[in-house]
Amino acid sequence: MNLFGDNKQSHQAVGDFLCFIAKQKGNFDNREQIKAQREIDNVVDGHYEHTIKGGGSMKR
């Protein structure tokens, strides 16, 4: 979402769009749609501040 905007409103718009597309492409029931929207809201509100990096395998 950070690639498509720099404020909360633009992040929310991107999240809503992604949720809409997922609903159109998949078979989201009402419960799954609510769950997806909550995740979007959590990301927009900054509850996930860490950056996910690739190559997350554990080395021994």
PDB file of N, CA and C in Angstrom:
ATOM      1  N   MET A   1       0.819  -1.189   0.000  1.00  0.00           N
ATOM      2  CA  MET A   1       0.000   0.000   0.000  1.00  0.00           C
ATOM      3  C   MET A   1       0.865   1.256   0.000  1.00  0.00           C
ATOM      4  N   ASN A   2       2.058   1.145   0.561  1.00  0.00           N
ATOM      5  CA  ASN A   2       2.936   2.308   0.606  1.00  0.00           C
ATOM      6  C   ASN A   2       3.357   2.774  -0.773  1.00  0.00           C
ATOM      7  N   LEU A   3       3.357   1.874  -1.742  1.00  0.00           N
ATOM      8  CA  LEU A   3       3.754   2.251  -3.098  1.00  0.00           C
ATOM      9  C   LEU A   3       2.714   3.116  -3.800  1.00  0.00           C
ATOM     10  N   PHE A   4       1.474   3.097  -3.319  1.00  0.00           N
ATOM     11  CA  PHE A   4       0.396   3.787  -4.012  1.00  0.00           C
ATOM     12  C   PHE A   4      -0.152   4.986  -3.262  1.00  0.00           C
ATOM     13  N   GLY A   5       0.525   5.409  -2.241  1.00  0.00           N
ATOM     14  CA  GLY A   5       0.060   6.584  -1.522  1.00  0.00           C
ATOM     15  C   GLY A   5       0.908   6.848  -0.303  1.00  0.00           C
ATOM     16  N   ASP A   6       0.787   8.044   0.212  1.00  0.00           N
ATOM     17  CA  ASP A   6       1.606   8.406   1.354  1.00  0.00           C
ATOM     18  C   ASP A   6       0.786   8.899   2.546  1.00  0.00           C
ATOM     19  N   ASN A   7      -0.518   8.669   2.508  1.00  0.00           N
ATOM     20  CA  ASN A   7      -1.330   9.048   3.657  1.00  0.00           C
ATOM     21  C   ASN A   7      -2.374   7.966   3.949  1.00  0.00           C
ATOM     22  N   LYS A   8      -3.026   8.102   5.067  1.00  0.00           N
ATOM     23  CA  LYS A   8      -3.964   7.078   5.537  1.00  0.00           C
ATOM     24  C   LYS A   8      -5.139   6.875   4.568  1.00  0.00           C
ATOM     25  N   GLN A   9      -5.625   7.970   3.997  1.00  0.00           N
ATOM     26  CA  GLN A   9      -6.767   7.867   3.086  1.00  0.00           C
ATOM     27  C   GLN A   9      -6.406   7.094   1.822  1.00  0.00           C
ATOM     28  N   SER A  10      -5.235   7.348   1.262  1.00  0.00           N
ATOM     29  CA  SER A  10      -4.848   6.625   0.053  1.00  0.00           C
ATOM     30  C   SER A  10      -4.576   5.159   0.359  1.00  0.00           C
ATOM     31  N   HIS A  11      -4.000   4.859   1.516  1.00  0.00           N
ATOM     32  CA  HIS A  11      -3.778   3.469   1.910  1.00  0.00           C
ATOM     33  C   HIS A  11      -5.106   2.741   2.083  1.00  0.00           C
ATOM     34  N   GLN A  12      -6.084   3.416   2.685  1.00  0.00           N
ATOM     35  CA  GLN A  12      -7.407   2.820   2.865  1.00  0.00           C
ATOM     36  C   GLN A  12      -8.057   2.559   1.515  1.00  0.00           C
ATOM     37  N   ALA A  13      -7.918   3.492   0.583  1.00  0.00           N
ATOM     38  CA  ALA A  13      -8.504   3.319  -0.755  1.00  0.00           C
ATOM     39  C   ALA A  13      -7.882   2.117  -1.467  1.00  0.00           C
ATOM     40  N   VAL A  14      -6.568   1.961  -1.363  1.00  0.00           N
ATOM     41  CA  VAL A  14      -5.891   0.818  -1.979  1.00  0.00           C
ATOM     42  C   VAL A  14      -6.380  -0.479  -1.337  1.00  0.00           C
ATOM     43  N   GLY A  15      -6.470  -0.507  -0.014  1.00  0.00           N
ATOM     44  CA  GLY A  15      -6.943  -1.694   0.689  1.00  0.00           C
ATOM     45  C   GLY A  15      -8.364  -2.055   0.312  1.00  0.00           C
ATOM     46  N   ASP A  16      -9.220  -1.054   0.226  1.00  0.00           N
ATOM     47  CA  ASP A  16     -10.610  -1.296  -0.167  1.00  0.00           C
ATOM     48  C   ASP A  16     -10.686  -1.842  -1.590  1.00  0.00           C
ATOM     49  N   PHE A  17      -9.853  -1.299  -2.472  1.00  0.00           N
ATOM     50  CA  PHE A  17      -9.819  -1.780  -3.850  1.00  0.00           C
ATOM     51  C   PHE A  17      -9.376  -3.241  -3.910  1.00  0.00           C
ATOM     52  N   LEU A  18      -8.320  -3.577  -3.157  1.00  0.00           N
ATOM     53  CA  LEU A  18      -7.836  -4.957  -3.139  1.00  0.00           C
ATOM     54  C   LEU A  18      -8.895  -5.907  -2.588  1.00  0.00           C
ATOM     55  N   CYS A  19      -9.604  -5.480  -1.568  1.00  0.00           N
ATOM     56  CA  CYS A  19     -10.674  -6.298  -0.994  1.00  0.00           C
ATOM     57  C   CYS A  19     -11.799  -6.491  -2.023  1.00  0.00           C
ATOM     58  N   PHE A  20     -12.135  -5.444  -2.740  1.00  0.00           N
ATOM     59  CA  PHE A  20     -13.171  -5.510  -3.773  1.00  0.00           C
ATOM     60  C   PHE A  20     -12.777  -6.489  -4.876  1.00  0.00           C
ATOM     61  N   ILE A  21     -11.532  -6.394  -5.344  1.00  0.00           N
ATOM     62  CA  ILE A  21     -11.051  -7.284  -6.407  1.00  0.00           C
ATOM     63  C   ILE A  21     -11.057  -8.732  -5.921  1.00  0.00           C
ATOM     64  N   ALA A  22     -10.602  -8.959  -4.700  1.00  0.00           N
ATOM     65  CA  ALA A  22     -10.594 -10.315  -4.148  1.00  0.00           C
ATOM     66  C   ALA A  22     -12.007 -10.881  -4.079  1.00  0.00           C
ATOM     67  N   LYS A  23     -12.954 -10.050  -3.708  1.00  0.00           N
ATOM     68  CA  LYS A  23     -14.355 -10.492  -3.636  1.00  0.00           C
ATOM     69  C   LYS A  23     -14.876 -10.849  -5.023  1.00  0.00           C
ATOM     70  N   GLN A  24     -14.503 -10.057  -6.025  1.00  0.00           N
ATOM     71  CA  GLN A  24     -14.944 -10.319  -7.388  1.00  0.00           C
ATOM     72  C   GLN A  24     -14.302 -11.581  -7.967  1.00  0.00           C
ATOM     73  N   LYS A  25     -13.018 -11.800  -7.672  1.00  0.00           N
ATOM     74  CA  LYS A  25     -12.273 -12.926  -8.243  1.00  0.00           C
ATOM     75  C   LYS A  25     -12.524 -14.237  -7.507  1.00  0.00           C
ATOM     76  N   GLY A  26     -12.681 -14.139  -6.199  1.00  0.00           N
ATOM     77  CA  GLY A  26     -12.822 -15.344  -5.396  1.00  0.00           C
ATOM     78  C   GLY A  26     -14.235 -15.545  -4.922  1.00  0.00           C
ATOM     79  N   ASN A  27     -14.383 -16.498  -4.079  1.00  0.00           N
ATOM     80  CA  ASN A  27     -15.695 -16.776  -3.510  1.00  0.00           C
ATOM     81  C   ASN A  27     -15.697 -16.405  -2.033  1.00  0.00           C
ATOM     82  N   PHE A  28     -15.511 -15.122  -1.751  1.00  0.00           N
ATOM     83  CA  PHE A  28     -15.528 -14.649  -0.373  1.00  0.00           C
ATOM     84  C   PHE A  28     -16.940 -14.748   0.176  1.00  0.00           C
ATOM     85  N   ASP A  29     -17.070 -15.398   1.315  1.00  0.00           N
ATOM     86  CA  ASP A  29     -18.358 -15.297   1.992  1.00  0.00           C
ATOM     87  C   ASP A  29     -18.303 -14.053   2.882  1.00  0.00           C
ATOM     88  N   ASN A  30     -19.388 -13.751   3.540  1.00  0.00           N
ATOM     89  CA  ASN A  30     -19.480 -12.529   4.343  1.00  0.00           C
ATOM     90  C   ASN A  30     -18.433 -12.517   5.456  1.00  0.00           C
ATOM     91  N   ARG A  31     -18.194 -13.652   6.081  1.00  0.00           N
ATOM     92  CA  ARG A  31     -17.225 -13.749   7.178  1.00  0.00           C
ATOM     93  C   ARG A  31     -15.808 -13.470   6.676  1.00  0.00           C
ATOM     94  N   GLU A  32     -15.445 -14.035   5.531  1.00  0.00           N
ATOM     95  CA  GLU A  32     -14.118 -13.822   4.961  1.00  0.00           C
ATOM     96  C   GLU A  32     -13.921 -12.369   4.539  1.00  0.00           C
ATOM     97  N   GLN A  33     -14.979 -11.754   4.047  1.00  0.00           N
ATOM     98  CA  GLN A  33     -14.906 -10.359   3.640  1.00  0.00           C
ATOM     99  C   GLN A  33     -14.667  -9.459   4.855  1.00  0.00           C
ATOM    100  N   ILE A  34     -15.349  -9.736   5.945  1.00  0.00           N
ATOM    101  CA  ILE A  34     -15.160  -8.956   7.178  1.00  0.00           C
ATOM    102  C   ILE A  34     -13.746  -9.141   7.709  1.00  0.00           C
ATOM    103  N   LYS A  35     -13.250 -10.366   7.688  1.00  0.00           N
ATOM    104  CA  LYS A  35     -11.897 -10.655   8.157  1.00  0.00           C
ATOM    105  C   LYS A  35     -10.856  -9.913   7.315  1.00  0.00           C
ATOM    106  N   ALA A  36     -11.022  -9.919   6.003  1.00  0.00           N
ATOM    107  CA  ALA A  36     -10.098  -9.218   5.112  1.00  0.00           C
ATOM    108  C   ALA A  36     -10.130  -7.716   5.368  1.00  0.00           C
ATOM    109  N   GLN A  37     -11.317  -7.164   5.576  1.00  0.00           N
ATOM    110  CA  GLN A  37     -11.433  -5.728   5.826  1.00  0.00           C
ATOM    111  C   GLN A  37     -10.774  -5.349   7.147  1.00  0.00           C
ATOM    112  N   ARG A  38     -10.879  -6.204   8.156  1.00  0.00           N
ATOM    113  CA  ARG A  38     -10.209  -5.935   9.434  1.00  0.00           C
ATOM    114  C   ARG A  38      -8.694  -5.929   9.279  1.00  0.00           C
ATOM    115  N   GLU A  39      -8.169  -6.859   8.467  1.00  0.00           N
ATOM    116  CA  GLU A  39      -6.723  -6.890   8.211  1.00  0.00           C
ATOM    117  C   GLU A  39      -6.278  -5.613   7.519  1.00  0.00           C
ATOM    118  N   ILE A  40      -7.045  -5.165   6.548  1.00  0.00           N
ATOM    119  CA  ILE A  40      -6.731  -3.918   5.856  1.00  0.00           C
ATOM    120  C   ILE A  40      -6.725  -2.765   6.844  1.00  0.00           C
ATOM    121  N   ASP A  41      -7.733  -2.695   7.688  1.00  0.00           N
ATOM    122  CA  ASP A  41      -7.806  -1.624   8.683  1.00  0.00           C
ATOM    123  C   ASP A  41      -6.612  -1.665   9.626  1.00  0.00           C
ATOM    124  N   ASN A  42      -6.186  -2.863  10.031  1.00  0.00           N
ATOM    125  CA  ASN A  42      -5.018  -2.991  10.905  1.00  0.00           C
ATOM    126  C   ASN A  42      -3.753  -2.477  10.226  1.00  0.00           C
ATOM    127  N   VAL A  43      -3.575  -2.799   8.957  1.00  0.00           N
ATOM    128  CA  VAL A  43      -2.396  -2.329   8.222  1.00  0.00           C
ATOM    129  C   VAL A  43      -2.438  -0.814   8.087  1.00  0.00           C
ATOM    130  N   VAL A  44      -3.588  -0.271   7.709  1.00  0.00           N
ATOM    131  CA  VAL A  44      -3.722   1.178   7.541  1.00  0.00           C
ATOM    132  C   VAL A  44      -3.473   1.901   8.863  1.00  0.00           C
ATOM    133  N   ASP A  45      -3.930   1.335   9.962  1.00  0.00           N
ATOM    134  CA  ASP A  45      -3.758   1.967  11.273  1.00  0.00           C
ATOM    135  C   ASP A  45      -2.355   1.804  11.838  1.00  0.00           C
ATOM    136  N   GLY A  46      -1.494   1.066  11.123  1.00  0.00           N
ATOM    137  CA  GLY A  46      -0.110   0.956  11.540  1.00  0.00           C
ATOM    138  C   GLY A  46       0.179  -0.143  12.536  1.00  0.00           C
ATOM    139  N   HIS A  47      -0.701  -1.104  12.643  1.00  0.00           N
ATOM    140  CA  HIS A  47      -0.470  -2.208  13.578  1.00  0.00           C
ATOM    141  C   HIS A  47       0.603  -3.163  13.083  1.00  0.00           C
ATOM    142  N   TYR A  48       0.990  -3.029  11.831  1.00  0.00           N
ATOM    143  CA  TYR A  48       2.058  -3.845  11.255  1.00  0.00           C
ATOM    144  C   TYR A  48       3.152  -2.899  10.767  1.00  0.00           C
ATOM    145  N   GLU A  49       3.959  -2.434  11.668  1.00  0.00           N
ATOM    146  CA  GLU A  49       4.987  -1.453  11.323  1.00  0.00           C
ATOM    147  C   GLU A  49       6.266  -2.089  10.799  1.00  0.00           C
ATOM    148  N   HIS A  50       6.479  -3.363  11.038  1.00  0.00           N
ATOM    149  CA  HIS A  50       7.711  -4.000  10.579  1.00  0.00           C
ATOM    150  C   HIS A  50       7.631  -4.317   9.089  1.00  0.00           C
ATOM    151  N   THR A  51       8.770  -4.402   8.467  1.00  0.00           N
ATOM    152  CA  THR A  51       8.847  -4.727   7.054  1.00  0.00           C
ATOM    153  C   THR A  51       9.108  -6.217   6.912  1.00  0.00           C
ATOM    154  N   ILE A  52       8.340  -6.847   6.058  1.00  0.00           N
ATOM    155  CA  ILE A  52       8.534  -8.270   5.800  1.00  0.00           C
ATOM    156  C   ILE A  52       9.593  -8.391   4.724  1.00  0.00           C
ATOM    157  N   LYS A  53      10.640  -9.133   5.022  1.00  0.00           N
ATOM    158  CA  LYS A  53      11.738  -9.304   4.085  1.00  0.00           C
ATOM    159  C   LYS A  53      11.707 -10.708   3.511  1.00  0.00           C
ATOM    160  N   GLY A  54      12.148 -10.856   2.281  1.00  0.00           N
ATOM    161  CA  GLY A  54      12.168 -12.149   1.603  1.00  0.00           C
ATOM    162  C   GLY A  54      13.226 -13.064   2.187  1.00  0.00           C
ATOM    163  N   GLY A  55      13.148 -14.321   1.824  1.00  0.00           N
ATOM    164  CA  GLY A  55      14.139 -15.289   2.288  1.00  0.00           C
ATOM    165  C   GLY A  55      14.013 -15.595   3.758  1.00  0.00           C
ATOM    166  N   GLY A  56      12.816 -15.825   4.215  1.00  0.00           N
ATOM    167  CA  GLY A  56      12.577 -16.034   5.634  1.00  0.00           C
ATOM    168  C   GLY A  56      12.887 -17.438   6.137  1.00  0.00           C
ATOM    169  N   SER A  57      13.689 -18.193   5.419  1.00  0.00           N
ATOM    170  CA  SER A  57      13.978 -19.538   5.880  1.00  0.00           C
ATOM    171  C   SER A  57      14.921 -19.495   7.090  1.00  0.00           C
ATOM    172  N   MET A  58      14.783 -20.467   7.954  1.00  0.00           N
ATOM    173  CA  MET A  58      15.620 -20.530   9.146  1.00  0.00           C
ATOM    174  C   MET A  58      16.907 -21.278   8.809  1.00  0.00           C
ATOM    175  N   LYS A  59      18.028 -20.731   9.244  1.00  0.00           N
ATOM    176  CA  LYS A  59      19.312 -21.393   9.027  1.00  0.00           C
ATOM    177  C   LYS A  59      19.773 -22.014  10.326  1.00  0.00           C
ATOM    178  N   ARG A  60      20.388 -23.163  10.216  1.00  0.00           N
ATOM    179  CA  ARG A  60      20.870 -23.860  11.422  1.00  0.00           C
ATOM    180  C   ARG A  60      22.344 -23.723  11.559  1.00  0.00           C
TER     181      ARG A  60
END
